[in-house]
């Protein structure tokens, strides 16, 4: 990562956490440092970047599916405009068209439905908050937890309205996916790269290189 990128990410972190903290306090009536951090870390990458990591799926297949989902989100936030989605992803239009064709993304339906970019991001942020809340079921009283779930939509809007625009290129999104996928499979095998590589059907040397690249070793 270049010094400029590192500085940019540091600045984003400074802005996102206070926004999340204020929104949670206003919408939920409480703030939990760990919860704020969990949500902030996910939003710092991009609201559209949501991982459903399943290490039972081979790495390459999982990555291909992730790319499809991410480009679909970009298309939805750009009203099905392939050129605009390609510009944000920092790839050529042909690359997007290939994924659209192979992944059977219904661009025509996206254009017909014309989802508002705001709504797509709002849903994405709501999903992130809902996922994180699920990790605190055992520490928050059920009555309070139900109240928090009911207020997720309002909290999401508070965050979205205050948060600076953030969209990752496809390469950046892929790197975030790889990092999370590899981190999870390594946790499952207590850092054993050989067993992890076998599990996700990736060459040992390839996985080891990625582990070192992302500082996961």
N, C-alpha and C. Protein backbone atom coordinates (compact mmCIF):
# COMPACT_ATOMS: atom_id res chain seq x y z
N UNK A 1 0.84 -1.19 0.00
CA UNK A 1 0.00 0.00 0.00
C UNK A 1 0.88 1.25 0.00
N UNK A 2 0.58 2.21 -0.87
CA UNK A 2 1.38 3.41 -0.96
C UNK A 2 1.16 4.29 0.27
N UNK A 3 2.13 5.18 0.59
CA UNK A 3 1.95 6.08 1.73
C UNK A 3 0.68 6.93 1.60
N UNK A 4 0.36 7.31 0.34
CA UNK A 4 -0.84 8.12 0.12
C UNK A 4 -2.10 7.35 0.48
N UNK A 5 -2.15 6.06 0.06
CA UNK A 5 -3.30 5.21 0.36
C UNK A 5 -3.43 4.98 1.86
N UNK A 6 -2.27 4.77 2.51
CA UNK A 6 -2.28 4.53 3.95
C UNK A 6 -2.80 5.75 4.69
N UNK A 7 -2.36 6.92 4.25
CA UNK A 7 -2.81 8.16 4.88
C UNK A 7 -4.31 8.36 4.66
N UNK A 8 -4.77 8.01 3.45
CA UNK A 8 -6.19 8.13 3.12
C UNK A 8 -7.03 7.22 4.01
N UNK A 9 -6.57 5.98 4.21
CA UNK A 9 -7.31 5.03 5.04
C UNK A 9 -7.33 5.48 6.50
N UNK A 10 -6.22 6.07 6.96
CA UNK A 10 -6.16 6.58 8.33
C UNK A 10 -7.17 7.70 8.53
N UNK A 11 -7.27 8.57 7.54
CA UNK A 11 -8.23 9.68 7.63
C UNK A 11 -9.66 9.16 7.64
N UNK A 12 -9.93 8.12 6.84
CA UNK A 12 -11.28 7.54 6.79
C UNK A 12 -11.66 6.99 8.16
N UNK A 13 -10.72 6.33 8.82
CA UNK A 13 -11.00 5.76 10.13
C UNK A 13 -11.35 6.84 11.14
N UNK A 14 -10.66 7.99 11.03
CA UNK A 14 -10.93 9.09 11.94
C UNK A 14 -12.36 9.60 11.79
N UNK A 15 -12.87 9.54 10.55
CA UNK A 15 -14.20 10.08 10.28
C UNK A 15 -15.31 9.08 10.57
N UNK A 16 -15.10 7.81 10.24
CA UNK A 16 -16.18 6.83 10.30
C UNK A 16 -16.58 6.48 11.73
N UNK A 17 -15.61 6.22 12.60
CA UNK A 17 -15.94 5.75 13.96
C UNK A 17 -16.80 6.75 14.74
N UNK A 18 -16.48 8.06 14.74
CA UNK A 18 -17.35 9.01 15.46
C UNK A 18 -18.76 9.05 14.89
N UNK A 19 -18.88 8.89 13.58
CA UNK A 19 -20.20 8.89 12.94
C UNK A 19 -21.02 7.69 13.43
N UNK A 20 -20.39 6.52 13.44
CA UNK A 20 -21.07 5.31 13.90
C UNK A 20 -21.41 5.43 15.38
N UNK A 21 -20.48 5.93 16.16
CA UNK A 21 -20.69 6.07 17.61
C UNK A 21 -21.90 6.96 17.90
N UNK A 22 -21.97 8.08 17.21
CA UNK A 22 -23.08 9.02 17.43
C UNK A 22 -24.41 8.43 16.98
N UNK A 23 -24.39 7.74 15.83
CA UNK A 23 -25.62 7.14 15.31
C UNK A 23 -26.14 6.04 16.23
N UNK A 24 -25.24 5.21 16.75
CA UNK A 24 -25.65 4.14 17.65
C UNK A 24 -26.22 4.71 18.95
N UNK A 25 -25.58 5.74 19.46
CA UNK A 25 -26.05 6.35 20.70
C UNK A 25 -27.43 6.98 20.50
N UNK A 26 -27.60 7.62 19.36
CA UNK A 26 -28.88 8.28 19.08
C UNK A 26 -29.98 7.27 18.80
N UNK A 27 -29.66 6.23 18.03
CA UNK A 27 -30.69 5.27 17.63
C UNK A 27 -30.94 4.16 18.62
N UNK A 28 -29.87 3.72 19.31
CA UNK A 28 -29.99 2.59 20.23
C UNK A 28 -30.02 3.00 21.70
N UNK A 29 -29.56 4.22 21.97
CA UNK A 29 -29.55 4.68 23.35
C UNK A 29 -28.34 4.20 24.13
N UNK A 30 -27.54 3.34 23.51
CA UNK A 30 -26.31 2.86 24.15
C UNK A 30 -25.22 2.74 23.10
N UNK A 31 -23.99 2.71 23.55
CA UNK A 31 -22.88 2.40 22.65
C UNK A 31 -22.00 1.36 23.33
N UNK A 32 -21.54 0.43 22.54
CA UNK A 32 -20.61 -0.59 23.02
C UNK A 32 -19.36 -0.47 22.16
N UNK A 33 -18.23 -0.21 22.80
CA UNK A 33 -17.01 0.07 22.04
C UNK A 33 -16.71 -1.00 21.00
N UNK A 34 -16.84 -2.26 21.40
CA UNK A 34 -16.53 -3.35 20.47
C UNK A 34 -17.49 -3.35 19.28
N UNK A 35 -18.76 -3.07 19.56
CA UNK A 35 -19.75 -3.04 18.48
C UNK A 35 -19.47 -1.89 17.52
N UNK A 36 -19.17 -0.73 18.09
CA UNK A 36 -18.84 0.43 17.27
C UNK A 36 -17.64 0.13 16.38
N UNK A 37 -16.64 -0.51 16.98
CA UNK A 37 -15.43 -0.84 16.21
C UNK A 37 -15.74 -1.84 15.10
N UNK A 38 -16.53 -2.86 15.43
CA UNK A 38 -16.87 -3.89 14.43
C UNK A 38 -17.59 -3.27 13.23
N UNK A 39 -18.57 -2.43 13.51
CA UNK A 39 -19.34 -1.80 12.42
C UNK A 39 -18.45 -0.83 11.64
N UNK A 40 -17.66 -0.05 12.37
CA UNK A 40 -16.79 0.94 11.72
C UNK A 40 -15.80 0.28 10.78
N UNK A 41 -15.21 -0.82 11.22
CA UNK A 41 -14.22 -1.51 10.39
C UNK A 41 -14.82 -1.99 9.08
N UNK A 42 -16.06 -2.45 9.15
CA UNK A 42 -16.73 -2.92 7.93
C UNK A 42 -17.06 -1.75 7.01
N UNK A 43 -17.48 -0.64 7.59
CA UNK A 43 -17.86 0.52 6.79
C UNK A 43 -16.65 1.25 6.22
N UNK A 44 -15.51 1.15 6.91
CA UNK A 44 -14.30 1.81 6.41
C UNK A 44 -13.89 1.25 5.06
N UNK A 45 -14.20 -0.03 4.84
CA UNK A 45 -13.86 -0.64 3.55
C UNK A 45 -14.84 -0.14 2.49
N UNK A 46 -16.11 -0.33 2.73
CA UNK A 46 -17.17 0.14 1.83
C UNK A 46 -18.47 -0.50 2.28
N UNK A 47 -19.57 0.27 2.31
CA UNK A 47 -20.87 -0.33 2.68
C UNK A 47 -21.27 -1.47 1.75
N UNK A 48 -20.79 -1.41 0.50
CA UNK A 48 -21.17 -2.43 -0.48
C UNK A 48 -20.36 -3.71 -0.32
N UNK A 49 -19.33 -3.65 0.53
CA UNK A 49 -18.43 -4.79 0.66
C UNK A 49 -18.89 -5.67 1.81
N UNK A 50 -19.71 -6.64 1.47
CA UNK A 50 -20.22 -7.55 2.50
C UNK A 50 -19.76 -8.97 2.19
N UNK A 51 -19.18 -9.60 3.19
CA UNK A 51 -18.64 -10.94 2.98
C UNK A 51 -19.55 -11.99 3.59
N UNK A 52 -19.84 -13.01 2.82
CA UNK A 52 -20.48 -14.21 3.34
C UNK A 52 -19.48 -15.33 3.13
N UNK A 53 -18.53 -15.41 4.04
CA UNK A 53 -17.42 -16.35 3.87
C UNK A 53 -17.84 -17.76 4.24
N UNK A 54 -17.67 -18.67 3.30
CA UNK A 54 -17.95 -20.08 3.54
C UNK A 54 -16.74 -20.87 3.05
N UNK A 55 -15.91 -21.30 3.99
CA UNK A 55 -14.66 -21.97 3.61
C UNK A 55 -14.88 -23.39 3.09
N UNK A 56 -16.13 -23.84 3.08
CA UNK A 56 -16.42 -25.13 2.45
C UNK A 56 -16.36 -25.01 0.94
N UNK A 57 -16.47 -23.76 0.47
CA UNK A 57 -16.40 -23.49 -0.97
C UNK A 57 -14.94 -23.25 -1.35
N UNK A 58 -14.44 -23.87 -2.41
CA UNK A 58 -13.06 -23.64 -2.84
C UNK A 58 -12.79 -22.15 -3.05
N UNK A 59 -11.58 -21.73 -2.75
CA UNK A 59 -11.21 -20.31 -2.78
C UNK A 59 -11.53 -19.65 -4.12
N UNK A 60 -11.13 -20.26 -5.21
CA UNK A 60 -11.32 -19.63 -6.52
C UNK A 60 -12.81 -19.48 -6.87
N UNK A 61 -13.59 -20.48 -6.51
CA UNK A 61 -15.03 -20.41 -6.77
C UNK A 61 -15.68 -19.32 -5.92
N UNK A 62 -15.26 -19.24 -4.66
CA UNK A 62 -15.81 -18.23 -3.75
C UNK A 62 -15.44 -16.83 -4.22
N UNK A 63 -14.22 -16.67 -4.69
CA UNK A 63 -13.78 -15.36 -5.17
C UNK A 63 -14.55 -14.95 -6.42
N UNK A 64 -14.80 -15.89 -7.30
CA UNK A 64 -15.57 -15.62 -8.51
C UNK A 64 -16.98 -15.15 -8.16
N UNK A 65 -17.59 -15.80 -7.18
CA UNK A 65 -18.94 -15.43 -6.76
C UNK A 65 -18.92 -14.05 -6.10
N UNK A 66 -17.87 -13.77 -5.34
CA UNK A 66 -17.76 -12.46 -4.70
C UNK A 66 -17.67 -11.35 -5.75
N UNK A 67 -16.84 -11.57 -6.77
CA UNK A 67 -16.68 -10.57 -7.84
C UNK A 67 -18.02 -10.29 -8.51
N UNK A 68 -18.77 -11.34 -8.75
CA UNK A 68 -20.10 -11.18 -9.35
C UNK A 68 -20.99 -10.31 -8.46
N UNK A 69 -21.03 -10.62 -7.17
CA UNK A 69 -21.90 -9.87 -6.25
C UNK A 69 -21.46 -8.41 -6.14
N UNK A 70 -20.15 -8.20 -6.10
CA UNK A 70 -19.66 -6.83 -5.94
C UNK A 70 -19.98 -5.99 -7.18
N UNK A 71 -19.73 -6.55 -8.35
CA UNK A 71 -20.04 -5.81 -9.58
C UNK A 71 -21.55 -5.58 -9.72
N UNK A 72 -22.33 -6.53 -9.25
CA UNK A 72 -23.78 -6.35 -9.29
C UNK A 72 -24.19 -5.16 -8.42
N UNK A 73 -23.56 -5.04 -7.24
CA UNK A 73 -23.85 -3.90 -6.37
C UNK A 73 -23.44 -2.59 -7.05
N UNK A 74 -22.30 -2.60 -7.71
CA UNK A 74 -21.86 -1.39 -8.41
C UNK A 74 -22.84 -1.03 -9.54
N UNK A 75 -23.33 -2.04 -10.22
CA UNK A 75 -24.31 -1.79 -11.28
C UNK A 75 -25.61 -1.22 -10.69
N UNK A 76 -26.00 -1.76 -9.55
CA UNK A 76 -27.23 -1.27 -8.91
C UNK A 76 -27.10 0.18 -8.46
N UNK A 77 -25.91 0.55 -7.98
CA UNK A 77 -25.72 1.93 -7.52
C UNK A 77 -25.43 2.88 -8.68
N UNK A 78 -25.31 2.33 -9.88
CA UNK A 78 -25.09 3.16 -11.07
C UNK A 78 -26.17 2.91 -12.12
N UNK A 79 -27.35 2.48 -11.64
CA UNK A 79 -28.54 2.32 -12.49
C UNK A 79 -28.32 1.41 -13.70
N UNK A 80 -27.49 0.39 -13.51
CA UNK A 80 -27.27 -0.56 -14.59
C UNK A 80 -26.33 -0.06 -15.68
N UNK A 81 -25.68 1.07 -15.43
CA UNK A 81 -24.77 1.65 -16.42
C UNK A 81 -23.41 0.94 -16.33
N UNK A 82 -23.13 0.12 -17.32
CA UNK A 82 -21.91 -0.68 -17.32
C UNK A 82 -20.66 0.20 -17.34
N UNK A 83 -20.70 1.26 -18.12
CA UNK A 83 -19.54 2.16 -18.22
C UNK A 83 -19.21 2.80 -16.88
N UNK A 84 -20.24 3.25 -16.16
CA UNK A 84 -20.02 3.88 -14.86
C UNK A 84 -19.52 2.87 -13.83
N UNK A 85 -20.11 1.67 -13.86
CA UNK A 85 -19.67 0.63 -12.93
C UNK A 85 -18.21 0.26 -13.20
N UNK A 86 -17.85 0.18 -14.48
CA UNK A 86 -16.47 -0.14 -14.86
C UNK A 86 -15.52 0.95 -14.40
N UNK A 87 -15.97 2.19 -14.48
CA UNK A 87 -15.13 3.32 -14.06
C UNK A 87 -14.84 3.24 -12.56
N UNK A 88 -15.88 2.96 -11.77
CA UNK A 88 -15.69 2.84 -10.32
C UNK A 88 -14.79 1.65 -10.00
N UNK A 89 -15.03 0.54 -10.69
CA UNK A 89 -14.25 -0.68 -10.46
C UNK A 89 -12.83 -0.57 -10.99
N UNK A 90 -12.60 0.43 -11.84
CA UNK A 90 -11.29 0.65 -12.46
C UNK A 90 -10.89 -0.54 -13.34
N UNK A 91 -11.87 -1.00 -14.12
CA UNK A 91 -11.62 -2.06 -15.11
C UNK A 91 -12.28 -1.63 -16.41
N UNK A 92 -11.96 -2.31 -17.51
CA UNK A 92 -12.59 -1.94 -18.77
C UNK A 92 -14.00 -2.54 -18.85
N UNK A 93 -14.80 -1.98 -19.72
CA UNK A 93 -16.20 -2.38 -19.85
C UNK A 93 -16.33 -3.86 -20.22
N UNK A 94 -15.38 -4.35 -21.01
CA UNK A 94 -15.45 -5.75 -21.44
C UNK A 94 -15.36 -6.70 -20.25
N UNK A 95 -14.56 -6.32 -19.26
CA UNK A 95 -14.43 -7.15 -18.06
C UNK A 95 -15.76 -7.25 -17.33
N UNK A 96 -16.45 -6.12 -17.23
CA UNK A 96 -17.76 -6.11 -16.57
C UNK A 96 -18.76 -6.93 -17.37
N UNK A 97 -18.73 -6.75 -18.69
CA UNK A 97 -19.64 -7.51 -19.55
C UNK A 97 -19.42 -9.02 -19.41
N UNK A 98 -18.16 -9.42 -19.28
CA UNK A 98 -17.87 -10.86 -19.13
C UNK A 98 -18.48 -11.41 -17.85
N UNK A 99 -18.35 -10.64 -16.76
CA UNK A 99 -18.92 -11.08 -15.48
C UNK A 99 -20.44 -11.08 -15.55
N UNK A 100 -20.99 -10.08 -16.19
CA UNK A 100 -22.45 -10.00 -16.36
C UNK A 100 -22.97 -11.22 -17.10
N UNK A 101 -22.25 -11.59 -18.16
CA UNK A 101 -22.67 -12.73 -18.97
C UNK A 101 -22.49 -14.05 -18.23
N UNK A 102 -21.30 -14.26 -17.66
CA UNK A 102 -21.03 -15.54 -16.99
C UNK A 102 -21.83 -15.68 -15.69
N UNK A 103 -22.06 -14.55 -15.01
CA UNK A 103 -22.79 -14.60 -13.75
C UNK A 103 -24.29 -14.42 -13.91
N UNK A 104 -24.71 -14.22 -15.15
CA UNK A 104 -26.14 -14.06 -15.45
C UNK A 104 -26.76 -12.93 -14.62
N UNK A 105 -26.05 -11.80 -14.58
CA UNK A 105 -26.57 -10.62 -13.88
C UNK A 105 -27.61 -9.95 -14.76
N UNK A 106 -28.78 -9.74 -14.22
CA UNK A 106 -29.89 -9.18 -15.01
C UNK A 106 -29.78 -7.66 -15.07
N UNK A 107 -28.90 -7.18 -15.94
CA UNK A 107 -28.70 -5.74 -16.07
C UNK A 107 -29.99 -5.06 -16.54
N UNK A 108 -30.71 -5.72 -17.43
CA UNK A 108 -31.97 -5.16 -17.92
C UNK A 108 -32.95 -4.93 -16.79
N UNK A 109 -33.01 -5.87 -15.87
CA UNK A 109 -33.93 -5.73 -14.72
C UNK A 109 -33.47 -4.60 -13.80
N UNK A 110 -32.16 -4.49 -13.63
CA UNK A 110 -31.63 -3.40 -12.80
C UNK A 110 -32.03 -2.06 -13.39
N UNK A 111 -31.90 -1.94 -14.71
CA UNK A 111 -32.26 -0.69 -15.38
C UNK A 111 -33.76 -0.43 -15.30
N UNK A 112 -34.53 -1.49 -15.39
CA UNK A 112 -35.98 -1.35 -15.32
C UNK A 112 -36.42 -0.94 -13.92
N UNK A 113 -35.85 -1.60 -12.91
CA UNK A 113 -36.23 -1.30 -11.53
C UNK A 113 -35.65 0.04 -11.07
N UNK A 114 -34.52 0.43 -11.65
CA UNK A 114 -33.85 1.69 -11.32
C UNK A 114 -33.74 1.91 -9.80
N UNK A 115 -33.06 1.01 -9.10
CA UNK A 115 -32.92 1.21 -7.65
C UNK A 115 -32.11 2.47 -7.36
N UNK A 116 -32.53 3.22 -6.36
CA UNK A 116 -31.77 4.41 -5.99
C UNK A 116 -30.48 3.98 -5.31
N UNK A 117 -29.39 4.63 -5.69
CA UNK A 117 -28.09 4.30 -5.09
C UNK A 117 -28.16 4.43 -3.57
N UNK A 118 -28.90 5.43 -3.11
CA UNK A 118 -29.04 5.65 -1.66
C UNK A 118 -29.67 4.43 -1.00
N UNK A 119 -30.72 3.89 -1.63
CA UNK A 119 -31.43 2.75 -1.05
C UNK A 119 -30.55 1.50 -1.01
N UNK A 120 -29.77 1.30 -2.07
CA UNK A 120 -28.87 0.14 -2.12
C UNK A 120 -27.86 0.21 -0.98
N UNK A 121 -27.31 1.40 -0.76
CA UNK A 121 -26.32 1.58 0.30
C UNK A 121 -26.97 1.48 1.68
N UNK A 122 -28.19 2.01 1.78
CA UNK A 122 -28.91 1.94 3.06
C UNK A 122 -29.15 0.49 3.46
N UNK A 123 -29.57 -0.32 2.50
CA UNK A 123 -29.80 -1.74 2.77
C UNK A 123 -28.48 -2.43 3.16
N UNK A 124 -27.41 -2.05 2.47
CA UNK A 124 -26.10 -2.66 2.75
C UNK A 124 -25.64 -2.33 4.17
N UNK A 125 -25.80 -1.08 4.58
CA UNK A 125 -25.39 -0.68 5.93
C UNK A 125 -26.27 -1.35 6.98
N UNK A 126 -27.56 -1.43 6.70
CA UNK A 126 -28.48 -2.11 7.62
C UNK A 126 -28.08 -3.57 7.82
N UNK A 127 -27.68 -4.21 6.74
CA UNK A 127 -27.26 -5.62 6.82
C UNK A 127 -26.01 -5.77 7.67
N UNK A 128 -25.08 -4.83 7.53
CA UNK A 128 -23.85 -4.87 8.32
C UNK A 128 -24.18 -4.74 9.81
N UNK A 129 -25.03 -3.78 10.14
CA UNK A 129 -25.39 -3.56 11.55
C UNK A 129 -26.12 -4.78 12.10
N UNK A 130 -27.02 -5.34 11.30
CA UNK A 130 -27.77 -6.52 11.74
C UNK A 130 -26.82 -7.70 12.00
N UNK A 131 -25.86 -7.88 11.12
CA UNK A 131 -24.88 -8.96 11.30
C UNK A 131 -24.09 -8.78 12.60
N UNK A 132 -23.64 -7.55 12.83
CA UNK A 132 -22.84 -7.28 14.03
C UNK A 132 -23.68 -7.45 15.29
N UNK A 133 -24.92 -6.97 15.26
CA UNK A 133 -25.80 -7.12 16.42
C UNK A 133 -25.96 -8.59 16.81
N UNK A 134 -25.97 -9.43 15.80
CA UNK A 134 -26.13 -10.86 16.05
C UNK A 134 -25.03 -11.43 16.93
N UNK A 135 -23.88 -10.76 16.94
CA UNK A 135 -22.75 -11.23 17.76
C UNK A 135 -22.89 -10.85 19.23
N UNK A 136 -23.91 -10.02 19.54
CA UNK A 136 -24.06 -9.52 20.91
C UNK A 136 -25.35 -9.99 21.57
N UNK A 137 -25.94 -11.03 21.02
CA UNK A 137 -27.20 -11.55 21.56
C UNK A 137 -27.07 -12.02 23.01
N UNK A 138 -25.89 -12.49 23.37
CA UNK A 138 -25.72 -13.04 24.72
C UNK A 138 -25.36 -11.98 25.75
N UNK A 139 -25.06 -10.76 25.30
CA UNK A 139 -24.64 -9.73 26.27
C UNK A 139 -25.63 -8.57 26.37
N UNK A 140 -26.62 -8.54 25.49
CA UNK A 140 -27.62 -7.47 25.53
C UNK A 140 -28.97 -8.09 25.90
N UNK A 141 -29.67 -7.44 26.80
CA UNK A 141 -30.98 -7.95 27.24
C UNK A 141 -31.90 -8.09 26.02
N UNK A 142 -32.64 -9.20 25.93
CA UNK A 142 -33.51 -9.45 24.76
C UNK A 142 -34.45 -8.30 24.43
N UNK A 143 -35.03 -7.67 25.45
CA UNK A 143 -35.95 -6.54 25.19
C UNK A 143 -35.22 -5.40 24.51
N UNK A 144 -34.03 -5.09 25.04
CA UNK A 144 -33.23 -4.01 24.46
C UNK A 144 -32.76 -4.39 23.06
N UNK A 145 -32.40 -5.65 22.89
CA UNK A 145 -31.91 -6.11 21.59
C UNK A 145 -33.01 -5.98 20.53
N UNK A 146 -34.23 -6.36 20.89
CA UNK A 146 -35.35 -6.24 19.94
C UNK A 146 -35.59 -4.79 19.56
N UNK A 147 -35.46 -3.91 20.54
CA UNK A 147 -35.62 -2.48 20.28
C UNK A 147 -34.54 -1.99 19.31
N UNK A 148 -33.34 -2.48 19.50
CA UNK A 148 -32.22 -2.09 18.63
C UNK A 148 -32.45 -2.58 17.20
N UNK A 149 -32.94 -3.80 17.07
CA UNK A 149 -33.23 -4.33 15.73
C UNK A 149 -34.28 -3.46 15.03
N UNK A 150 -35.27 -3.01 15.79
CA UNK A 150 -36.33 -2.18 15.18
C UNK A 150 -35.79 -0.84 14.70
N UNK A 151 -34.72 -0.38 15.32
CA UNK A 151 -34.17 0.94 14.99
C UNK A 151 -33.02 0.89 13.98
N UNK A 152 -32.72 -0.30 13.48
CA UNK A 152 -31.58 -0.43 12.55
C UNK A 152 -31.73 0.48 11.34
N UNK A 153 -32.91 0.54 10.77
CA UNK A 153 -33.11 1.35 9.56
C UNK A 153 -32.78 2.82 9.81
N UNK A 154 -33.24 3.35 10.95
CA UNK A 154 -32.98 4.76 11.27
C UNK A 154 -31.49 4.99 11.53
N UNK A 155 -30.87 4.06 12.23
CA UNK A 155 -29.44 4.19 12.50
C UNK A 155 -28.64 4.16 11.20
N UNK A 156 -29.05 3.29 10.29
CA UNK A 156 -28.37 3.18 9.00
C UNK A 156 -28.44 4.49 8.22
N UNK A 157 -29.61 5.11 8.26
CA UNK A 157 -29.76 6.39 7.54
C UNK A 157 -28.89 7.48 8.17
N UNK A 158 -28.82 7.48 9.49
CA UNK A 158 -27.96 8.45 10.18
C UNK A 158 -26.52 8.31 9.72
N UNK A 159 -26.06 7.07 9.66
CA UNK A 159 -24.68 6.80 9.24
C UNK A 159 -24.47 7.18 7.78
N UNK A 160 -25.40 6.75 6.93
CA UNK A 160 -25.26 6.99 5.49
C UNK A 160 -25.26 8.48 5.18
N UNK A 161 -26.12 9.23 5.85
CA UNK A 161 -26.20 10.67 5.58
C UNK A 161 -24.94 11.42 6.00
N UNK A 162 -24.25 10.88 7.01
CA UNK A 162 -23.07 11.59 7.53
C UNK A 162 -21.75 11.05 6.99
N UNK A 163 -21.79 9.84 6.46
CA UNK A 163 -20.54 9.19 6.07
C UNK A 163 -20.05 9.65 4.71
N UNK A 164 -18.74 9.88 4.58
CA UNK A 164 -18.19 10.27 3.27
C UNK A 164 -18.35 9.14 2.26
N UNK A 165 -18.47 9.51 0.99
CA UNK A 165 -18.62 8.52 -0.08
C UNK A 165 -17.39 7.63 -0.15
N UNK A 166 -17.61 6.33 -0.26
CA UNK A 166 -16.49 5.39 -0.33
C UNK A 166 -16.86 4.23 -1.24
N UNK A 167 -16.12 4.08 -2.34
CA UNK A 167 -16.30 2.93 -3.21
C UNK A 167 -14.93 2.38 -3.57
N UNK A 168 -14.80 1.09 -3.49
CA UNK A 168 -13.53 0.45 -3.79
C UNK A 168 -13.44 0.04 -5.25
N UNK A 169 -12.24 0.05 -5.79
CA UNK A 169 -12.04 -0.53 -7.10
C UNK A 169 -12.21 -2.04 -6.97
N UNK A 170 -12.35 -2.71 -8.09
CA UNK A 170 -12.51 -4.16 -8.03
C UNK A 170 -11.28 -4.82 -7.41
N UNK A 171 -10.11 -4.32 -7.74
CA UNK A 171 -8.88 -4.89 -7.19
C UNK A 171 -8.85 -4.74 -5.67
N UNK A 172 -9.22 -3.57 -5.18
CA UNK A 172 -9.24 -3.34 -3.73
C UNK A 172 -10.26 -4.24 -3.05
N UNK A 173 -11.42 -4.39 -3.70
CA UNK A 173 -12.47 -5.25 -3.14
C UNK A 173 -12.02 -6.70 -3.09
N UNK A 174 -11.36 -7.14 -4.16
CA UNK A 174 -10.85 -8.52 -4.20
C UNK A 174 -9.84 -8.76 -3.08
N UNK A 175 -8.99 -7.78 -2.85
CA UNK A 175 -7.98 -7.92 -1.79
C UNK A 175 -8.64 -8.04 -0.42
N UNK A 176 -9.68 -7.25 -0.19
CA UNK A 176 -10.39 -7.33 1.09
C UNK A 176 -11.05 -8.69 1.25
N UNK A 177 -11.62 -9.19 0.16
CA UNK A 177 -12.25 -10.51 0.21
C UNK A 177 -11.22 -11.60 0.51
N UNK A 178 -10.12 -11.57 -0.22
CA UNK A 178 -9.08 -12.58 -0.02
C UNK A 178 -8.59 -12.57 1.43
N UNK A 179 -8.38 -11.37 1.95
CA UNK A 179 -7.88 -11.24 3.32
C UNK A 179 -8.84 -11.87 4.33
N UNK A 180 -10.13 -11.57 4.17
CA UNK A 180 -11.12 -12.11 5.11
C UNK A 180 -11.28 -13.62 4.95
N UNK A 181 -11.28 -14.08 3.72
CA UNK A 181 -11.43 -15.52 3.45
C UNK A 181 -10.27 -16.30 4.06
N UNK A 182 -9.06 -15.82 3.80
CA UNK A 182 -7.87 -16.51 4.29
C UNK A 182 -7.78 -16.43 5.81
N UNK A 183 -8.14 -15.28 6.37
CA UNK A 183 -8.12 -15.14 7.83
C UNK A 183 -9.04 -16.18 8.48
N UNK A 184 -10.21 -16.35 7.88
CA UNK A 184 -11.18 -17.28 8.47
C UNK A 184 -10.71 -18.72 8.38
N UNK A 185 -10.19 -19.12 7.23
CA UNK A 185 -9.77 -20.52 7.09
C UNK A 185 -8.54 -20.80 7.96
N UNK A 186 -7.68 -19.82 8.14
CA UNK A 186 -6.53 -20.00 9.03
C UNK A 186 -6.98 -20.16 10.48
N UNK A 187 -8.00 -19.40 10.86
CA UNK A 187 -8.55 -19.53 12.22
C UNK A 187 -9.09 -20.94 12.44
N UNK A 188 -9.75 -21.47 11.41
CA UNK A 188 -10.33 -22.81 11.52
C UNK A 188 -9.26 -23.88 11.71
N UNK A 189 -8.07 -23.64 11.15
CA UNK A 189 -7.00 -24.64 11.22
C UNK A 189 -5.83 -24.16 12.07
N UNK A 190 -6.11 -23.23 12.98
CA UNK A 190 -5.10 -22.75 13.93
C UNK A 190 -3.79 -22.34 13.26
N UNK A 191 -3.92 -21.69 12.11
CA UNK A 191 -2.75 -21.16 11.42
C UNK A 191 -1.99 -22.18 10.59
N UNK A 192 -2.50 -23.39 10.47
CA UNK A 192 -1.82 -24.42 9.69
C UNK A 192 -2.08 -24.19 8.20
N UNK A 193 -1.09 -23.65 7.52
CA UNK A 193 -1.25 -23.27 6.11
C UNK A 193 -1.45 -24.49 5.22
N UNK A 194 -0.77 -25.57 5.53
CA UNK A 194 -0.89 -26.78 4.71
C UNK A 194 -2.32 -27.31 4.70
N UNK A 195 -2.90 -27.43 5.89
CA UNK A 195 -4.27 -27.94 5.99
C UNK A 195 -5.27 -26.95 5.41
N UNK A 196 -5.02 -25.66 5.64
CA UNK A 196 -5.92 -24.63 5.11
C UNK A 196 -5.92 -24.64 3.58
N UNK A 197 -4.74 -24.78 3.00
CA UNK A 197 -4.63 -24.80 1.54
C UNK A 197 -5.38 -25.99 0.95
N UNK A 198 -5.25 -27.12 1.61
CA UNK A 198 -5.95 -28.32 1.15
C UNK A 198 -7.46 -28.13 1.24
N UNK A 199 -7.90 -27.50 2.32
CA UNK A 199 -9.33 -27.28 2.54
C UNK A 199 -9.95 -26.43 1.44
N UNK A 200 -9.27 -25.34 1.06
CA UNK A 200 -9.86 -24.42 0.08
C UNK A 200 -9.36 -24.67 -1.34
N UNK A 201 -8.63 -25.80 -1.51
CA UNK A 201 -8.17 -26.23 -2.84
C UNK A 201 -7.30 -25.18 -3.52
N UNK A 202 -6.31 -24.73 -2.76
CA UNK A 202 -5.35 -23.77 -3.27
C UNK A 202 -3.95 -24.32 -3.04
N UNK A 203 -3.05 -24.08 -3.98
CA UNK A 203 -1.68 -24.56 -3.80
C UNK A 203 -1.07 -23.96 -2.54
N UNK A 204 -0.30 -24.77 -1.84
CA UNK A 204 0.33 -24.33 -0.59
C UNK A 204 1.15 -23.06 -0.81
N UNK A 205 1.94 -23.05 -1.89
CA UNK A 205 2.81 -21.90 -2.16
C UNK A 205 1.99 -20.63 -2.41
N UNK A 206 0.87 -20.80 -3.10
CA UNK A 206 0.01 -19.65 -3.40
C UNK A 206 -0.60 -19.09 -2.12
N UNK A 207 -1.10 -19.98 -1.28
CA UNK A 207 -1.71 -19.52 -0.02
C UNK A 207 -0.66 -18.88 0.88
N UNK A 208 0.51 -19.49 0.97
CA UNK A 208 1.57 -18.94 1.82
C UNK A 208 1.95 -17.53 1.36
N UNK A 209 2.02 -17.35 0.05
CA UNK A 209 2.35 -16.03 -0.50
C UNK A 209 1.30 -14.99 -0.11
N UNK A 210 0.04 -15.39 -0.17
CA UNK A 210 -1.04 -14.47 0.20
C UNK A 210 -1.05 -14.19 1.70
N UNK A 211 -0.75 -15.21 2.49
CA UNK A 211 -0.68 -15.03 3.94
C UNK A 211 0.37 -13.98 4.29
N UNK A 212 1.52 -14.06 3.65
CA UNK A 212 2.59 -13.10 3.90
C UNK A 212 2.20 -11.71 3.38
N UNK A 213 1.57 -11.69 2.23
CA UNK A 213 1.18 -10.41 1.62
C UNK A 213 0.22 -9.63 2.51
N UNK A 214 -0.72 -10.35 3.12
CA UNK A 214 -1.73 -9.68 3.94
C UNK A 214 -1.37 -9.63 5.42
N UNK A 215 -0.18 -10.10 5.74
CA UNK A 215 0.28 -10.04 7.13
C UNK A 215 -0.54 -10.91 8.06
N UNK A 216 -0.93 -12.09 7.58
CA UNK A 216 -1.79 -12.97 8.37
C UNK A 216 -1.03 -14.11 9.03
N UNK A 217 0.27 -14.16 8.78
CA UNK A 217 1.06 -15.26 9.32
C UNK A 217 1.64 -14.97 10.69
